[in-house]
Amino acid sequence: MTFTMAGFIGVAVWLGQKWDETSGWEQPIGTLVGGVLGTVAAIWVVIRELSK
């Protein structure tokens, strides 16, 4: 479960960084959005697994 959470968050942050590189924004908006969405997705998966 820990590796699943780390994987979700890590991939989402990495995608956010790639988005930041291509968008040219001064602030790392993509990294922030990716981190938040990855965290939400990871928590959702953990709650779903624990409720089984």
N, C-alpha and C. Protein backbone atom coordinates (compact mmCIF):
# COMPACT_ATOMS: atom_id res chain seq x y z
N MET A 1 0.82 -1.18 0.00
CA MET A 1 0.00 0.00 0.00
C MET A 1 0.88 1.26 0.00
N THR A 2 1.97 1.22 0.71
CA THR A 2 2.89 2.35 0.77
C THR A 2 3.49 2.63 -0.60
N PHE A 3 3.89 1.56 -1.29
CA PHE A 3 4.48 1.73 -2.61
C PHE A 3 3.47 2.23 -3.61
N THR A 4 2.23 1.82 -3.46
CA THR A 4 1.16 2.30 -4.33
C THR A 4 0.97 3.80 -4.15
N MET A 5 0.92 4.24 -2.91
CA MET A 5 0.76 5.68 -2.65
C MET A 5 1.95 6.46 -3.20
N ALA A 6 3.14 5.98 -2.94
CA ALA A 6 4.34 6.66 -3.43
C ALA A 6 4.37 6.69 -4.96
N GLY A 7 3.93 5.61 -5.57
CA GLY A 7 3.89 5.56 -7.03
C GLY A 7 2.90 6.56 -7.62
N PHE A 8 1.69 6.61 -7.05
CA PHE A 8 0.69 7.57 -7.53
C PHE A 8 1.21 9.00 -7.41
N ILE A 9 1.72 9.33 -6.24
CA ILE A 9 2.17 10.70 -5.99
C ILE A 9 3.40 11.01 -6.85
N GLY A 10 4.32 10.09 -6.92
CA GLY A 10 5.54 10.31 -7.71
C GLY A 10 5.27 10.52 -9.18
N VAL A 11 4.42 9.69 -9.75
CA VAL A 11 4.09 9.82 -11.17
C VAL A 11 3.35 11.13 -11.44
N ALA A 12 2.42 11.48 -10.55
CA ALA A 12 1.65 12.71 -10.74
C ALA A 12 2.55 13.94 -10.65
N VAL A 13 3.48 13.95 -9.71
CA VAL A 13 4.41 15.08 -9.59
C VAL A 13 5.33 15.14 -10.80
N TRP A 14 5.80 14.00 -11.25
CA TRP A 14 6.67 13.96 -12.44
C TRP A 14 5.93 14.51 -13.66
N LEU A 15 4.67 14.09 -13.84
CA LEU A 15 3.88 14.61 -14.95
C LEU A 15 3.66 16.12 -14.82
N GLY A 16 3.44 16.58 -13.59
CA GLY A 16 3.29 18.01 -13.34
C GLY A 16 4.55 18.78 -13.68
N GLN A 17 5.71 18.22 -13.38
CA GLN A 17 6.96 18.88 -13.72
C GLN A 17 7.15 18.95 -15.22
N LYS A 18 6.79 17.89 -15.92
CA LYS A 18 6.88 17.90 -17.38
C LYS A 18 5.94 18.94 -17.97
N TRP A 19 4.76 19.07 -17.38
CA TRP A 19 3.80 20.08 -17.83
C TRP A 19 4.36 21.48 -17.60
N ASP A 20 5.02 21.69 -16.45
CA ASP A 20 5.64 22.98 -16.17
C ASP A 20 6.73 23.32 -17.18
N GLU A 21 7.51 22.32 -17.55
CA GLU A 21 8.59 22.55 -18.51
C GLU A 21 8.06 22.98 -19.87
N THR A 22 6.95 22.41 -20.28
CA THR A 22 6.41 22.74 -21.60
C THR A 22 5.57 24.00 -21.60
N SER A 23 5.00 24.37 -20.44
CA SER A 23 4.12 25.53 -20.40
C SER A 23 4.88 26.84 -20.28
N GLY A 24 6.05 26.82 -19.66
CA GLY A 24 6.85 28.03 -19.53
C GLY A 24 6.39 28.97 -18.43
N TRP A 25 5.55 28.50 -17.52
CA TRP A 25 5.10 29.34 -16.42
C TRP A 25 6.24 29.58 -15.43
N GLU A 26 6.20 30.73 -14.77
CA GLU A 26 7.23 31.02 -13.78
C GLU A 26 7.02 30.22 -12.49
N GLN A 27 5.78 30.03 -12.11
CA GLN A 27 5.46 29.28 -10.90
C GLN A 27 5.21 27.80 -11.25
N PRO A 28 5.59 26.89 -10.37
CA PRO A 28 5.41 25.45 -10.66
C PRO A 28 3.97 24.98 -10.42
N ILE A 29 3.04 25.52 -11.20
CA ILE A 29 1.62 25.19 -11.03
C ILE A 29 1.37 23.71 -11.32
N GLY A 30 1.96 23.19 -12.37
CA GLY A 30 1.75 21.79 -12.74
C GLY A 30 2.24 20.83 -11.67
N THR A 31 3.37 21.14 -11.06
CA THR A 31 3.88 20.30 -9.98
C THR A 31 2.93 20.31 -8.79
N LEU A 32 2.43 21.48 -8.47
CA LEU A 32 1.48 21.59 -7.36
C LEU A 32 0.20 20.82 -7.65
N VAL A 33 -0.35 21.01 -8.84
CA VAL A 33 -1.58 20.31 -9.21
C VAL A 33 -1.34 18.80 -9.25
N GLY A 34 -0.21 18.39 -9.82
CA GLY A 34 0.12 16.97 -9.87
C GLY A 34 0.27 16.36 -8.50
N GLY A 35 0.91 17.08 -7.58
CA GLY A 35 1.07 16.58 -6.22
C GLY A 35 -0.26 16.42 -5.50
N VAL A 36 -1.12 17.41 -5.67
CA VAL A 36 -2.43 17.35 -5.00
C VAL A 36 -3.27 16.22 -5.60
N LEU A 37 -3.33 16.16 -6.93
CA LEU A 37 -4.14 15.11 -7.56
C LEU A 37 -3.58 13.72 -7.27
N GLY A 38 -2.26 13.58 -7.25
CA GLY A 38 -1.66 12.30 -6.91
C GLY A 38 -1.96 11.87 -5.49
N THR A 39 -1.93 12.82 -4.57
CA THR A 39 -2.25 12.52 -3.18
C THR A 39 -3.71 12.11 -3.02
N VAL A 40 -4.60 12.85 -3.67
CA VAL A 40 -6.02 12.52 -3.60
C VAL A 40 -6.27 11.14 -4.19
N ALA A 41 -5.66 10.85 -5.34
CA ALA A 41 -5.84 9.54 -5.97
C ALA A 41 -5.29 8.42 -5.07
N ALA A 42 -4.14 8.66 -4.45
CA ALA A 42 -3.55 7.64 -3.59
C ALA A 42 -4.43 7.37 -2.37
N ILE A 43 -4.96 8.42 -1.77
CA ILE A 43 -5.84 8.24 -0.61
C ILE A 43 -7.12 7.53 -1.02
N TRP A 44 -7.65 7.88 -2.17
CA TRP A 44 -8.87 7.23 -2.67
C TRP A 44 -8.65 5.73 -2.86
N VAL A 45 -7.51 5.35 -3.44
CA VAL A 45 -7.21 3.94 -3.67
C VAL A 45 -7.05 3.21 -2.34
N VAL A 46 -6.37 3.82 -1.38
CA VAL A 46 -6.19 3.19 -0.08
C VAL A 46 -7.52 3.00 0.63
N ILE A 47 -8.37 4.02 0.62
CA ILE A 47 -9.68 3.88 1.26
C ILE A 47 -10.50 2.80 0.58
N ARG A 48 -10.45 2.74 -0.74
CA ARG A 48 -11.18 1.71 -1.48
C ARG A 48 -10.67 0.32 -1.12
N GLU A 49 -9.35 0.17 -0.99
CA GLU A 49 -8.79 -1.14 -0.64
C GLU A 49 -9.13 -1.53 0.80
N LEU A 50 -9.12 -0.59 1.70
CA LEU A 50 -9.40 -0.90 3.10
C LEU A 50 -10.87 -1.19 3.35
N SER A 51 -11.76 -0.69 2.49
CA SER A 51 -13.18 -0.91 2.70
C SER A 51 -13.64 -2.28 2.18
N LYS A 52 -12.77 -3.00 1.52
CA LYS A 52 -13.13 -4.33 1.01
C LYS A 52 -13.16 -5.35 2.11
